[in-house]
Amino acid sequence: MIRGAGASMLVLAAAPMLAVAVTLAFVALASSPIVALAAGRSDDAPGAQGPASREGSPRTSIEAARRAKQNYFRDHPFSPLRAFARHDFLPFEPGREPTAIVGAGEGAEVRLDAPGIPPDLIRITVLNPQSAGGPYRFRLERRAPGGDIRLDGTALAEEGPEATTVVPEETKIEIGPFAIRPYVQAEAGILILFDSRRTEGTRFVAPADFPVDLAWRFRLPLVRVPEPETVRMQTSLGRVKEYRRVGYFEIDPPPGSGGGGKVRVFAYQPTFAQKKDEALSILFTDLTTGKETYPAGRYIDVTPPTDGLYTLDFNAAYNPLCAYTDVYNCPIPPRENALPVAVRAGELDYRGRKQH
């Protein structure tokens, strides 16, 4: 059973893929813990879960990345396990800046209920870029004292000119036990809401993985398609995300995986987020999908090659963020990447879902 918001559409889109059913290692961080190399700034696409380690031997690096991931999921203000709600701003229109009121009151569009939070605490407004192609910004205007508002750890003044400020996307807006992540994707403002209490004590259930198997780690050239095509992928919230199919890898699955020869794995680049040149996203299902692994499939981030060869490591396969909570808008792997083998490497289905 596929879970999460928009589940009925996700089931419809994924059913053919799962019926054939056969047939995101974290990347190094940029300036923000959520900024990923492969898919750019996006919490709901490949490359968005958190930090990674790429030092030492492959096995050591994989194990270090898994430890870092568990720490991130337990402790970071933007941990996917803490996400509980989402606010989508209305689309931009000429002469109008999308805005939302944050507070504990029933009239607040972004509601945070906890002791000490006023009903009308701050107004958050999405600001257009100052120049074409520039970054979006968010204006925060305090409307009441209290609330313990912190912006990347610095307290927001309770009154005076300093009580209004403009911050860049991905600023950590913390209010009491809550955190708000502001960003813009496909020219739409989004706030993801987090509650630190959701990973306290026994409520924290760490993600789990198959044992490391280096037979699922490949060094390969990318077979490029002459003219990259646009692929429209359905998402867990019933929307569409567009990618460019840039080429494919041909892998020799290890013995016992059910393969009968080389398997083609397609690679994509998103059109909706910034990325580093040559960084790729792999979205796939396999014979473990819906059994041992997440029913909608898994992702891998592939960083740019240093010697003409890419490292395609299925030990780094991870669940989309909608595996943990309903608030994310995750692309569903296309049928062409339904692999006819059992990839017993990478992340298992998340068993702590009921607690989050």
Protein backbone atom coordinates (compact mmCIF):
# COMPACT_ATOMS: atom_id res chain seq x y z
CA MET A 1 0.00 0.00 0.00
CA ILE A 2 1.38 3.40 -0.95
CA ARG A 3 1.00 5.97 1.74
CA GLY A 4 0.85 9.74 1.92
CA ALA A 5 -1.05 12.71 0.59
CA GLY A 6 -2.28 12.15 -2.91
CA ALA A 7 -1.97 8.40 -2.36
CA SER A 8 -4.76 7.50 -4.73
CA MET A 9 -3.07 9.23 -7.64
CA LEU A 10 0.28 7.84 -6.62
CA VAL A 11 -1.20 4.35 -6.68
CA LEU A 12 -2.70 4.95 -10.12
CA ALA A 13 0.57 6.26 -11.50
CA ALA A 14 2.72 3.61 -9.86
CA ALA A 15 0.47 0.59 -10.29
CA PRO A 16 1.61 -0.37 -13.80
CA MET A 17 5.19 0.04 -12.70
CA LEU A 18 4.70 -2.06 -9.59
CA ALA A 19 2.67 -4.64 -11.41
CA VAL A 20 5.57 -5.19 -13.80
CA ALA A 21 7.41 -4.64 -10.67
CA VAL A 22 9.96 -5.96 -11.62
CA THR A 23 10.09 -3.72 -13.25
CA LEU A 24 18.02 9.69 -3.17
CA ALA A 25 24.10 8.14 -0.77
CA PHE A 26 23.59 11.51 0.25
CA VAL A 27 25.60 14.09 -1.56
CA ALA A 28 27.98 16.59 -0.02
CA LEU A 29 26.29 19.69 1.27
CA ALA A 30 26.44 23.10 -0.31
CA SER A 31 25.61 26.19 1.75
CA SER A 32 22.54 24.60 3.32
CA PRO A 33 22.07 21.15 4.88
CA ILE A 34 19.34 20.53 2.32
CA VAL A 35 21.09 21.87 -0.75
CA ALA A 36 22.11 18.85 -2.82
CA LEU A 37 24.37 18.63 -5.80
CA ALA A 38 22.26 16.45 -8.03
CA ALA A 39 18.82 17.97 -7.85
CA GLY A 40 19.53 21.41 -6.43
CA ARG A 41 17.48 23.07 -3.72
CA SER A 42 14.49 20.81 -3.33
CA ASP A 43 13.15 18.91 -0.38
CA ASP A 44 10.92 16.73 -2.48
CA ALA A 45 13.20 15.45 -5.24
CA PRO A 46 16.35 13.36 -5.38
CA GLY A 47 19.25 14.79 -3.48
CA ALA A 48 17.48 16.31 -0.53
CA GLN A 49 17.82 14.26 2.58
CA GLY A 50 20.96 15.46 4.28
CA PRO A 51 24.72 15.14 4.72
CA ALA A 52 27.12 12.52 3.48
CA SER A 53 30.68 11.39 3.89
CA ARG A 54 32.80 10.50 0.86
CA GLU A 55 36.18 9.95 2.49
CA GLY A 56 38.13 6.72 2.85
CA SER A 57 37.32 3.34 1.32
CA PRO A 58 33.94 2.79 -0.33
CA ARG A 59 32.69 0.66 2.57
CA THR A 60 33.91 3.17 5.14
CA SER A 61 32.31 6.03 3.21
CA ILE A 62 28.97 4.22 2.94
CA GLU A 63 28.92 3.37 6.64
CA ALA A 64 29.90 6.94 7.58
CA ALA A 65 27.15 8.33 5.33
CA ARG A 66 24.61 6.09 7.04
CA ARG A 67 25.67 7.27 10.50
CA ALA A 68 25.49 10.89 9.34
CA LYS A 69 22.02 10.26 7.93
CA GLN A 70 20.75 8.85 11.21
CA ASN A 71 22.15 11.83 13.11
CA TYR A 72 20.55 14.20 10.60
CA PHE A 73 17.16 12.53 10.86
CA ARG A 74 17.29 12.60 14.66
CA ASP A 75 18.78 16.03 15.34
CA HIS A 76 18.45 18.49 12.45
CA PRO A 77 15.67 21.14 12.58
CA PHE A 78 14.71 20.14 9.01
CA SER A 79 14.70 16.40 9.68
CA PRO A 80 12.12 14.72 7.41
CA LEU A 81 10.82 12.87 10.47
CA ARG A 82 9.90 16.20 12.05
CA ALA A 83 7.92 17.49 9.06
CA PHE A 84 4.19 17.62 9.76
CA ALA A 85 2.61 20.22 7.47
CA ARG A 86 3.12 22.21 4.29
CA HIS A 87 1.94 25.63 3.16
CA ASP A 88 1.87 26.43 -0.55
CA PHE A 89 1.58 30.12 -1.36
CA LEU A 90 -0.77 31.27 -4.07
CA PRO A 91 0.94 31.71 -7.46
CA PHE A 92 2.73 34.97 -8.15
CA GLU A 93 0.72 37.60 -9.98
CA PRO A 94 1.80 41.01 -11.28
CA GLY A 95 1.76 43.55 -8.47
CA ARG A 96 1.06 40.98 -5.73
CA GLU A 97 3.44 39.28 -3.31
CA PRO A 98 2.17 36.02 -1.75
CA THR A 99 1.93 36.23 2.03
CA ALA A 100 0.88 34.14 5.04
CA ILE A 101 0.24 34.78 8.74
CA VAL A 102 2.00 32.45 11.20
CA GLY A 103 0.68 31.94 14.71
CA ALA A 104 -1.31 29.82 17.13
CA GLY A 105 -4.70 31.27 16.29
CA GLU A 106 -7.45 29.76 14.18
CA GLY A 107 -7.07 32.61 11.70
CA ALA A 108 -3.40 31.85 11.04
CA GLU A 109 -2.71 30.35 7.62
CA VAL A 110 0.38 28.65 9.07
CA ARG A 111 -0.68 27.37 12.46
CA LEU A 112 1.84 26.53 15.20
CA ASP A 113 0.17 25.56 18.47
CA ALA A 114 2.43 25.55 21.52
CA PRO A 115 2.63 27.46 24.81
CA GLY A 116 3.96 31.00 24.39
CA ILE A 117 3.17 31.38 20.68
CA PRO A 118 0.78 34.32 20.01
CA PRO A 119 -2.18 33.80 17.65
CA ASP A 120 -0.79 36.35 15.15
CA LEU A 121 2.99 36.18 15.47
CA ILE A 122 4.63 36.96 12.12
CA ARG A 123 3.76 37.63 8.52
CA ILE A 124 5.90 35.84 5.89
CA THR A 125 5.91 37.27 2.37
CA VAL A 126 7.57 35.80 -0.72
CA LEU A 127 9.60 38.44 -2.56
CA ASN A 128 10.41 38.27 -6.24
CA PRO A 129 14.09 38.22 -7.26
CA GLN A 130 15.76 41.62 -7.32
CA SER A 131 17.08 40.82 -10.80
CA ALA A 132 16.15 38.35 -13.52
CA GLY A 133 17.29 34.88 -12.56
CA GLY A 134 18.23 35.99 -9.05
CA PRO A 135 17.25 34.21 -5.82
CA TYR A 136 13.87 34.60 -4.18
CA ARG A 137 13.69 36.07 -0.68
CA PHE A 138 11.24 36.06 2.22
CA ARG A 139 10.23 39.08 4.31
CA LEU A 140 9.43 38.40 7.97
CA GLU A 141 7.40 40.98 9.90
CA ARG A 142 6.88 40.41 13.60
CA ARG A 143 3.32 41.24 14.62
CA ALA A 144 3.49 40.38 18.34
CA PRO A 145 6.20 40.04 21.03
CA GLY A 146 7.24 36.63 22.34
CA GLY A 147 7.25 33.40 20.42
CA ASP A 148 11.02 32.90 20.65
CA ILE A 149 11.72 33.51 16.94
CA ARG A 150 15.24 32.57 15.77
CA LEU A 151 16.63 32.99 12.25
CA ASP A 152 19.56 30.63 11.68
CA GLY A 153 20.06 30.75 15.45
CA THR A 154 19.83 34.55 15.86
CA ALA A 155 16.86 35.99 17.75
CA LEU A 156 14.50 38.27 15.84
CA ALA A 157 13.96 41.59 17.64
CA GLU A 158 10.57 42.00 19.33
CA GLU A 159 10.05 45.60 18.26
CA GLY A 160 11.51 48.40 16.21
CA PRO A 161 12.96 48.32 12.70
CA GLU A 162 14.85 45.08 13.46
CA ALA A 163 11.52 43.28 14.00
CA THR A 164 11.16 43.19 10.20
CA THR A 165 13.82 41.53 8.09
CA VAL A 166 14.42 39.89 4.71
CA VAL A 167 16.02 36.45 4.61
CA PRO A 168 17.14 34.16 1.76
CA GLU A 169 15.55 30.85 0.95
CA GLU A 170 16.54 27.94 3.20
CA THR A 171 16.87 30.15 6.28
CA LYS A 172 16.03 28.16 9.42
CA ILE A 173 13.08 29.95 10.98
CA GLU A 174 12.67 28.47 14.47
CA ILE A 175 9.73 29.29 16.74
CA GLY A 176 9.64 27.47 20.07
CA PRO A 177 9.73 23.72 19.26
CA PHE A 178 8.95 24.37 15.58
CA ALA A 179 11.05 25.11 12.50
CA ILE A 180 9.92 26.52 9.16
CA ARG A 181 11.80 25.96 5.93
CA PRO A 182 11.07 28.59 3.25
CA TYR A 183 11.92 28.04 -0.39
CA VAL A 184 10.62 28.59 -3.92
CA GLN A 185 10.33 25.86 -6.52
CA ALA A 186 8.93 26.23 -10.03
CA GLU A 187 8.17 29.86 -9.10
CA ALA A 188 5.89 28.79 -6.22
CA GLY A 189 6.56 29.71 -2.59
CA ILE A 190 6.55 26.82 -0.11
CA LEU A 191 6.88 26.49 3.66
CA ILE A 192 7.56 23.09 5.25
CA LEU A 193 6.75 22.95 8.98
CA PHE A 194 8.73 20.83 11.45
CA ASP A 195 8.21 19.91 15.11
CA SER A 196 11.30 18.88 17.11
CA ARG A 197 9.16 16.83 19.51
CA ARG A 198 8.53 14.26 16.77
CA THR A 199 12.07 12.82 17.09
CA GLU A 200 12.44 12.99 20.87
CA GLY A 201 13.33 9.86 22.84
CA THR A 202 11.60 6.67 21.78
CA ARG A 203 9.67 8.47 19.03
CA PHE A 204 12.82 8.41 16.92
CA VAL A 205 13.03 5.36 14.66
CA ALA A 206 16.19 5.38 12.57
CA PRO A 207 16.12 4.54 8.85
CA ALA A 208 17.51 1.07 8.07
CA ASP A 209 19.51 -0.29 5.14
CA PHE A 210 20.53 -3.55 3.56
CA PRO A 211 24.06 -4.66 4.55
CA VAL A 212 26.73 -3.00 2.41
CA ASP A 213 27.33 -5.01 -0.77
CA LEU A 214 30.08 -3.61 -2.97
CA ALA A 215 28.94 -5.85 -5.83
CA TRP A 216 26.24 -3.18 -6.30
CA ARG A 217 28.82 -0.42 -6.77
CA PHE A 218 29.77 0.34 -10.38
CA ARG A 219 32.24 2.61 -12.19
CA LEU A 220 30.71 3.29 -15.59
CA PRO A 221 30.57 5.67 -18.52
CA LEU A 222 27.29 7.39 -19.28
CA VAL A 223 25.82 6.43 -22.64
CA ARG A 224 24.44 9.79 -23.71
CA VAL A 225 21.33 10.20 -25.82
CA PRO A 226 21.92 12.48 -28.83
CA GLU A 227 19.06 14.80 -27.90
CA PRO A 228 17.91 14.71 -24.25
CA GLU A 229 14.14 14.33 -23.99
CA THR A 230 11.80 15.77 -21.38
CA VAL A 231 10.21 13.17 -19.09
CA ARG A 232 7.13 14.17 -17.10
CA MET A 233 6.97 12.28 -13.80
CA GLN A 234 3.87 12.07 -11.64
CA THR A 235 4.36 12.97 -7.97
CA SER A 236 3.01 11.77 -4.64
CA LEU A 237 0.79 14.87 -4.39
CA GLY A 238 -0.75 14.31 -7.81
CA ARG A 239 1.37 16.90 -9.58
CA VAL A 240 4.02 16.67 -12.31
CA LYS A 241 7.76 17.28 -12.30
CA GLU A 242 9.82 17.47 -15.45
CA TYR A 243 13.25 15.95 -15.98
CA ARG A 244 15.62 15.64 -18.92
CA ARG A 245 16.62 12.09 -19.82
CA VAL A 246 20.31 12.58 -20.58
CA GLY A 247 21.44 8.99 -21.03
CA TYR A 248 21.78 5.62 -19.38
CA PHE A 249 24.18 3.26 -17.66
CA GLU A 250 24.50 -0.45 -18.42
CA ILE A 251 25.17 -2.53 -15.32
CA ASP A 252 25.99 -6.21 -14.80
CA PRO A 253 23.85 -7.18 -11.76
CA PRO A 254 25.61 -9.48 -9.28
CA PRO A 255 24.73 -13.20 -9.21
CA GLY A 256 21.55 -14.05 -7.33
CA SER A 257 19.75 -10.81 -8.16
CA GLY A 258 17.55 -12.40 -10.81
CA GLY A 259 19.10 -10.67 -13.79
CA GLY A 260 19.79 -12.37 -17.08
CA GLY A 261 22.41 -10.02 -18.48
CA LYS A 262 23.08 -6.31 -18.64
CA VAL A 263 20.43 -3.95 -17.26
CA ARG A 264 19.89 -0.41 -18.55
CA VAL A 265 19.46 2.33 -15.90
CA PHE A 266 18.32 5.75 -17.16
CA ALA A 267 19.75 8.98 -15.71
CA TYR A 268 17.97 12.33 -15.45
CA GLN A 269 18.49 15.97 -14.64
CA PRO A 270 15.64 18.06 -13.17
CA THR A 271 14.34 21.11 -15.02
CA PHE A 272 12.88 22.67 -11.84
CA ALA A 273 15.98 23.04 -9.67
CA GLN A 274 19.56 24.18 -9.99
CA LYS A 275 22.23 21.50 -10.22
CA LYS A 276 25.93 21.12 -10.82
CA ASP A 277 26.88 20.25 -14.38
CA GLU A 278 27.02 16.50 -14.99
CA ALA A 279 25.32 15.63 -11.67
CA LEU A 280 22.59 13.06 -12.29
CA SER A 281 19.49 11.68 -10.60
CA ILE A 282 18.47 8.04 -10.74
CA LEU A 283 14.85 7.21 -9.86
CA PHE A 284 14.06 3.48 -9.99
CA THR A 285 12.01 0.51 -8.83
CA ASP A 286 13.15 -3.13 -8.71
CA LEU A 287 11.97 -6.57 -7.58
CA THR A 288 12.22 -5.55 -3.90
CA THR A 289 9.85 -2.58 -4.39
CA GLY A 290 6.72 -2.91 -2.25
CA LYS A 291 8.19 -5.89 -0.41
CA GLU A 292 11.46 -5.01 1.28
CA THR A 293 11.74 -1.44 0.00
CA TYR A 294 9.45 1.59 -0.28
CA PRO A 295 6.46 0.92 -2.57
CA ALA A 296 7.01 4.02 -4.73
CA GLY A 297 10.68 3.32 -5.45
CA ARG A 298 14.03 4.79 -4.49
CA TYR A 299 16.56 7.42 -5.65
CA ILE A 300 20.32 7.64 -6.15
CA ASP A 301 22.35 10.83 -6.57
CA VAL A 302 25.28 10.51 -8.98
CA THR A 303 27.92 13.22 -8.71
CA PRO A 304 29.99 14.49 -11.66
CA PRO A 305 32.81 12.21 -12.85
CA THR A 306 36.45 13.06 -12.26
CA ASP A 307 37.93 10.72 -14.88
CA GLY A 308 35.12 10.25 -17.37
CA LEU A 309 33.51 7.48 -15.29
CA TYR A 310 30.57 7.88 -12.92
CA THR A 311 30.19 5.99 -9.64
CA LEU A 312 26.76 4.37 -9.55
CA ASP A 313 26.40 2.93 -6.05
CA PHE A 314 23.13 1.22 -5.20
CA ASN A 315 24.26 1.06 -1.56
CA ALA A 316 23.47 4.77 -1.65
CA ALA A 317 19.87 4.24 -2.81
CA TYR A 318 17.50 6.10 -0.49
CA ASN A 319 13.79 6.60 -0.01
CA PRO A 320 11.97 9.70 -1.26
CA LEU A 321 10.92 11.98 1.57
CA CYS A 322 7.27 10.97 1.19
CA ALA A 323 8.31 7.62 2.72
CA TYR A 324 8.45 9.40 6.09
CA THR A 325 5.63 11.94 6.02
CA ASP A 326 2.76 13.13 3.83
CA VAL A 327 3.91 16.71 3.24
CA TYR A 328 6.46 16.23 0.46
CA ASN A 329 5.89 16.22 -3.29
CA CYS A 330 8.04 13.32 -4.50
CA PRO A 331 8.46 12.30 -8.15
CA ILE A 332 7.53 8.68 -8.88
CA PRO A 333 10.14 6.71 -10.84
CA PRO A 334 9.15 6.17 -14.47
CA ARG A 335 8.35 2.75 -15.87
CA GLU A 336 11.50 2.77 -18.01
CA ASN A 337 13.54 2.51 -14.78
CA ALA A 338 11.63 -0.51 -13.43
CA LEU A 339 14.65 -2.79 -13.08
CA PRO A 340 14.08 -6.55 -13.61
CA VAL A 341 16.39 -7.47 -10.72
CA ALA A 342 16.25 -7.48 -6.93
CA VAL A 343 18.48 -4.62 -5.73
CA ARG A 344 19.19 -5.70 -2.15
CA ALA A 345 21.33 -2.67 -1.47
CA GLY A 346 20.54 0.75 -0.07
CA GLU A 347 17.64 1.83 2.13
CA LEU A 348 14.85 -0.46 3.28
CA ASP A 349 11.21 0.57 3.65
CA TYR A 350 10.82 2.86 6.67
CA ARG A 351 9.25 0.97 9.56
CA GLY A 352 8.72 3.94 11.85
CA ARG A 353 6.08 5.61 9.69
CA LYS A 354 3.24 5.12 12.21
CA GLN A 355 5.13 7.18 14.78
CA HIS A 356 5.45 10.15 12.44
